[in-house]
C-alpha cells in the first residue's frame, strides 16, 4: 500500500513541476515566414503570450544581415512601417505579430527561404531567458489544424 501512495505522490509532484514553467514564462505559437529570395527581405509572424509583464527587446537570426521589429500601420490610403525598439507584453495577454501589424523583419537575407525549410530566430527579453524559435517557411499562415 505504501508503494502505491509513494508512486502516486511522485507522479503528482513530477507532473506539476513539468507544467509550472509554461504557466510562468513566455510562450510562442503559430510562427511562420513566407518564401523569399537571398538578398531580399522577409518577415516572421507569430503569436506571443507572457504570463507576467515582460518586454521583447531584440530579435536575432543568422539568416539575415539585420533582424528588426517593425509595425505596419495604415494612414489614410498609405501603408507605413516603423521600427520598434521594443514590444511590451502585458501579463496574460497575447500579442499577434502578423501581416499589417507588428512583425519581425529579416533584412538582406543571407539565403533563400524556400517553402518546407525551417529557420531559427531568437527572441531576447528584458527579464526572461532568450527563446529560440524554429520558424517554418510556408506560403500561408498555419491553420487551426496545424497545432
C-alpha atoms as a PDB file:
ATOM      1  CA  UNK A   1       0.000   0.000   0.000  1.00  0.00           C
ATOM      2  CA  UNK A   2       2.836   2.413   0.851  1.00  0.00           C
ATOM      3  CA  UNK A   3       4.436   1.826  -2.559  1.00  0.00           C
ATOM      4  CA  UNK A   4       1.211   2.843  -4.307  1.00  0.00           C
ATOM      5  CA  UNK A   5       0.954   6.009  -2.204  1.00  0.00           C
ATOM      6  CA  UNK A   6       4.605   6.959  -2.848  1.00  0.00           C
ATOM      7  CA  UNK A   7       4.227   6.234  -6.576  1.00  0.00           C
ATOM      8  CA  UNK A   8       1.047   8.347  -6.774  1.00  0.00           C
ATOM      9  CA  UNK A   9       2.678  11.247  -4.920  1.00  0.00           C
ATOM     10  CA  UNK A  10       5.740  11.046  -7.183  1.00  0.00           C
ATOM     11  CA  UNK A  11       3.537  11.284 -10.281  1.00  0.00           C
ATOM     12  CA  UNK A  12       1.657  14.302  -8.869  1.00  0.00           C
ATOM     13  CA  UNK A  13       4.885  16.135  -7.971  1.00  0.00           C
ATOM     14  CA  UNK A  14       6.553  15.321 -11.298  1.00  0.00           C
ATOM     15  CA  UNK A  15       3.565  16.331 -13.434  1.00  0.00           C
ATOM     16  CA  UNK A  16       3.061  19.620 -11.585  1.00  0.00           C
ATOM     17  CA  UNK A  17       6.752  20.508 -11.989  1.00  0.00           C
ATOM     18  CA  UNK A  18       6.525  19.872 -15.740  1.00  0.00           C
ATOM     19  CA  UNK A  19       3.617  22.257 -16.283  1.00  0.00           C
ATOM     20  CA  UNK A  20       4.666  25.135 -13.993  1.00  0.00           C
ATOM     21  CA  UNK A  21       7.296  26.785 -16.251  1.00  0.00           C
ATOM     22  CA  UNK A  22       4.846  27.211 -19.140  1.00  0.00           C
ATOM     23  CA  UNK A  23       2.383  28.955 -16.834  1.00  0.00           C
ATOM     24  CA  UNK A  24       5.082  31.349 -15.576  1.00  0.00           C
ATOM     25  CA  UNK A  25       7.006  32.086 -18.768  1.00  0.00           C
ATOM     26  CA  UNK A  26       6.700  33.224 -22.334  1.00  0.00           C
ATOM     27  CA  UNK A  27       5.062  31.035 -24.962  1.00  0.00           C
ATOM     28  CA  UNK A  28       5.063  31.440 -28.735  1.00  0.00           C
ATOM     29  CA  UNK A  29       2.820  29.620 -31.207  1.00  0.00           C
ATOM     30  CA  UNK A  30       1.965  29.679 -34.909  1.00  0.00           C
ATOM     31  CA  UNK A  31       5.368  31.008 -36.040  1.00  0.00           C
ATOM     32  CA  UNK A  32       5.865  31.211 -39.809  1.00  0.00           C
ATOM     33  CA  UNK A  33       7.578  33.119 -42.601  1.00  0.00           C
ATOM     34  CA  UNK A  34       6.922  33.323 -46.334  1.00  0.00           C
ATOM     35  CA  UNK A  35       9.366  32.175 -49.004  1.00  0.00           C
ATOM     36  CA  UNK A  36      11.815  34.929 -50.015  1.00  0.00           C
ATOM     37  CA  UNK A  37      14.951  35.290 -52.131  1.00  0.00           C
ATOM     38  CA  UNK A  38      18.504  35.772 -50.911  1.00  0.00           C
ATOM     39  CA  UNK A  39      19.347  39.490 -50.826  1.00  0.00           C
ATOM     40  CA  UNK A  40      15.700  40.421 -50.307  1.00  0.00           C
ATOM     41  CA  UNK A  41      13.701  40.920 -47.144  1.00  0.00           C
ATOM     42  CA  UNK A  42      11.426  38.571 -45.257  1.00  0.00           C
ATOM     43  CA  UNK A  43       9.058  38.800 -42.303  1.00  0.00           C
ATOM     44  CA  UNK A  44       8.350  36.476 -39.381  1.00  0.00           C
ATOM     45  CA  UNK A  45       4.927  36.227 -37.781  1.00  0.00           C
ATOM     46  CA  UNK A  46       3.711  34.508 -34.596  1.00  0.00           C
ATOM     47  CA  UNK A  47       1.515  34.804 -31.521  1.00  0.00           C
ATOM     48  CA  UNK A  48       3.266  35.503 -28.220  1.00  0.00           C
ATOM     49  CA  UNK A  49       1.875  35.214 -24.689  1.00  0.00           C
ATOM     50  CA  UNK A  50       3.555  36.065 -21.405  1.00  0.00           C
ATOM     51  CA  UNK A  51       2.210  35.052 -18.008  1.00  0.00           C
ATOM     52  CA  UNK A  52       3.938  38.079 -16.430  1.00  0.00           C
ATOM     53  CA  UNK A  53       4.601  41.602 -17.696  1.00  0.00           C
ATOM     54  CA  UNK A  54       7.639  41.413 -19.985  1.00  0.00           C
ATOM     55  CA  UNK A  55       9.371  43.296 -22.781  1.00  0.00           C
ATOM     56  CA  UNK A  56      10.699  41.884 -26.049  1.00  0.00           C
ATOM     57  CA  UNK A  57      13.824  43.989 -26.563  1.00  0.00           C
ATOM     58  CA  UNK A  58      15.593  42.370 -29.523  1.00  0.00           C
ATOM     59  CA  UNK A  59      15.408  39.591 -32.096  1.00  0.00           C
ATOM     60  CA  UNK A  60      18.336  37.854 -33.776  1.00  0.00           C
ATOM     61  CA  UNK A  61      18.940  35.306 -36.534  1.00  0.00           C
ATOM     62  CA  UNK A  62      21.838  34.250 -38.721  1.00  0.00           C
ATOM     63  CA  UNK A  63      19.673  34.128 -41.881  1.00  0.00           C
ATOM     64  CA  UNK A  64      19.741  37.910 -42.435  1.00  0.00           C
ATOM     65  CA  UNK A  65      22.142  40.822 -42.261  1.00  0.00           C
ATOM     66  CA  UNK A  66      19.791  42.583 -39.825  1.00  0.00           C
ATOM     67  CA  UNK A  67      16.751  41.498 -37.814  1.00  0.00           C
ATOM     68  CA  UNK A  68      14.378  44.241 -36.667  1.00  0.00           C
ATOM     69  CA  UNK A  69      10.997  44.577 -35.001  1.00  0.00           C
ATOM     70  CA  UNK A  70       8.599  46.623 -37.131  1.00  0.00           C
ATOM     71  CA  UNK A  71       4.994  47.722 -37.028  1.00  0.00           C
ATOM     72  CA  UNK A  72       2.849  48.393 -40.087  1.00  0.00           C
ATOM     73  CA  UNK A  73       0.050  50.938 -39.874  1.00  0.00           C
ATOM     74  CA  UNK A  74      -2.325  52.457 -42.377  1.00  0.00           C
ATOM     75  CA  UNK A  75      -2.541  56.238 -42.580  1.00  0.00           C
ATOM     76  CA  UNK A  76      -5.386  57.000 -44.968  1.00  0.00           C
ATOM     77  CA  UNK A  77      -4.516  55.064 -48.134  1.00  0.00           C
ATOM     78  CA  UNK A  78      -0.827  54.789 -47.282  1.00  0.00           C
ATOM     79  CA  UNK A  79       0.753  51.817 -45.545  1.00  0.00           C
ATOM     80  CA  UNK A  80       3.609  52.912 -43.284  1.00  0.00           C
ATOM     81  CA  UNK A  81       6.169  50.843 -41.458  1.00  0.00           C
ATOM     82  CA  UNK A  82       8.236  51.955 -38.474  1.00  0.00           C
ATOM     83  CA  UNK A  83      10.928  50.194 -36.499  1.00  0.00           C
ATOM     84  CA  UNK A  84      10.115  49.310 -32.880  1.00  0.00           C
ATOM     85  CA  UNK A  85      12.768  49.467 -30.169  1.00  0.00           C
ATOM     86  CA  UNK A  86      10.790  47.015 -28.008  1.00  0.00           C
ATOM     87  CA  UNK A  87       7.397  45.367 -27.672  1.00  0.00           C
ATOM     88  CA  UNK A  88       5.570  45.401 -24.341  1.00  0.00           C
ATOM     89  CA  UNK A  89       3.948  42.122 -23.316  1.00  0.00           C
ATOM     90  CA  UNK A  90       1.186  42.568 -20.763  1.00  0.00           C
ATOM     91  CA  UNK A  91       0.605  39.788 -18.259  1.00  0.00           C
ATOM     92  CA  UNK A  92      -1.833  37.199 -19.569  1.00  0.00           C
ATOM     93  CA  UNK A  93      -2.395  38.959 -22.916  1.00  0.00           C
ATOM     94  CA  UNK A  94      -1.476  37.769 -26.412  1.00  0.00           C
ATOM     95  CA  UNK A  95       0.341  39.921 -28.936  1.00  0.00           C
ATOM     96  CA  UNK A  96      -0.111  38.992 -32.596  1.00  0.00           C
ATOM     97  CA  UNK A  97       2.865  39.507 -34.882  1.00  0.00           C
ATOM     98  CA  UNK A  98       1.013  39.469 -38.191  1.00  0.00           C
ATOM     99  CA  UNK A  99       0.912  40.962 -41.684  1.00  0.00           C
ATOM    100  CA  UNK A 100      -0.307  44.554 -41.382  1.00  0.00           C
ATOM    101  CA  UNK A 101       0.728  44.784 -37.718  1.00  0.00           C
ATOM    102  CA  UNK A 102       3.835  44.152 -35.644  1.00  0.00           C
ATOM    103  CA  UNK A 103       6.262  41.696 -37.240  1.00  0.00           C
ATOM    104  CA  UNK A 104       9.920  40.727 -37.393  1.00  0.00           C
ATOM    105  CA  UNK A 105      11.796  41.988 -40.477  1.00  0.00           C
ATOM    106  CA  UNK A 106      14.622  39.901 -41.895  1.00  0.00           C
ATOM    107  CA  UNK A 107      16.690  42.477 -43.801  1.00  0.00           C
ATOM    108  CA  UNK A 108      19.006  41.424 -46.648  1.00  0.00           C
ATOM    109  CA  UNK A 109      18.579  37.666 -46.419  1.00  0.00           C
ATOM    110  CA  UNK A 110      21.776  35.616 -46.454  1.00  0.00           C
ATOM    111  CA  UNK A 111      19.981  32.662 -48.105  1.00  0.00           C
ATOM    112  CA  UNK A 112      16.826  31.775 -49.996  1.00  0.00           C
ATOM    113  CA  UNK A 113      13.843  30.907 -47.814  1.00  0.00           C
ATOM    114  CA  UNK A 114      12.050  28.064 -49.594  1.00  0.00           C
ATOM    115  CA  UNK A 115       8.697  26.516 -48.667  1.00  0.00           C
ATOM    116  CA  UNK A 116       9.392  23.489 -46.483  1.00  0.00           C
ATOM    117  CA  UNK A 117      12.579  24.976 -44.970  1.00  0.00           C
ATOM    118  CA  UNK A 118      12.884  25.999 -41.346  1.00  0.00           C
ATOM    119  CA  UNK A 119      14.861  28.930 -39.941  1.00  0.00           C
ATOM    120  CA  UNK A 120      15.834  29.830 -36.401  1.00  0.00           C
ATOM    121  CA  UNK A 121      15.051  33.195 -34.838  1.00  0.00           C
ATOM    122  CA  UNK A 122      15.879  34.045 -31.214  1.00  0.00           C
ATOM    123  CA  UNK A 123      13.709  36.356 -29.118  1.00  0.00           C
ATOM    124  CA  UNK A 124      15.545  38.355 -26.439  1.00  0.00           C
ATOM    125  CA  UNK A 125      13.626  39.692 -23.432  1.00  0.00           C
ATOM    126  CA  UNK A 126      14.304  42.244 -20.731  1.00  0.00           C
ATOM    127  CA  UNK A 127      13.797  39.782 -17.842  1.00  0.00           C
ATOM    128  CA  UNK A 128      13.087  36.355 -19.365  1.00  0.00           C
ATOM    129  CA  UNK A 129      15.593  33.935 -20.878  1.00  0.00           C
ATOM    130  CA  UNK A 130      16.276  34.009 -24.626  1.00  0.00           C
ATOM    131  CA  UNK A 131      13.747  31.979 -26.569  1.00  0.00           C
ATOM    132  CA  UNK A 132      14.833  30.257 -29.818  1.00  0.00           C
ATOM    133  CA  UNK A 133      12.048  29.746 -32.368  1.00  0.00           C
ATOM    134  CA  UNK A 134      12.059  27.206 -35.166  1.00  0.00           C
ATOM    135  CA  UNK A 135      10.128  29.007 -37.881  1.00  0.00           C
ATOM    136  CA  UNK A 136       8.736  27.056 -40.845  1.00  0.00           C
ATOM    137  CA  UNK A 137       8.831  28.665 -44.289  1.00  0.00           C
ATOM    138  CA  UNK A 138       5.385  28.332 -45.853  1.00  0.00           C
ATOM    139  CA  UNK A 139       3.098  30.111 -48.296  1.00  0.00           C
ATOM    140  CA  UNK A 140       0.366  30.944 -45.771  1.00  0.00           C
ATOM    141  CA  UNK A 141      -0.212  31.134 -42.004  1.00  0.00           C
ATOM    142  CA  UNK A 142      -0.622  27.915 -40.043  1.00  0.00           C
ATOM    143  CA  UNK A 143      -4.217  26.743 -39.939  1.00  0.00           C
ATOM    144  CA  UNK A 144      -6.058  25.747 -36.777  1.00  0.00           C
ATOM    145  CA  UNK A 145      -5.400  22.103 -37.719  1.00  0.00           C
ATOM    146  CA  UNK A 146      -1.597  22.528 -37.713  1.00  0.00           C
ATOM    147  CA  UNK A 147      -1.339  22.606 -33.894  1.00  0.00           C
END
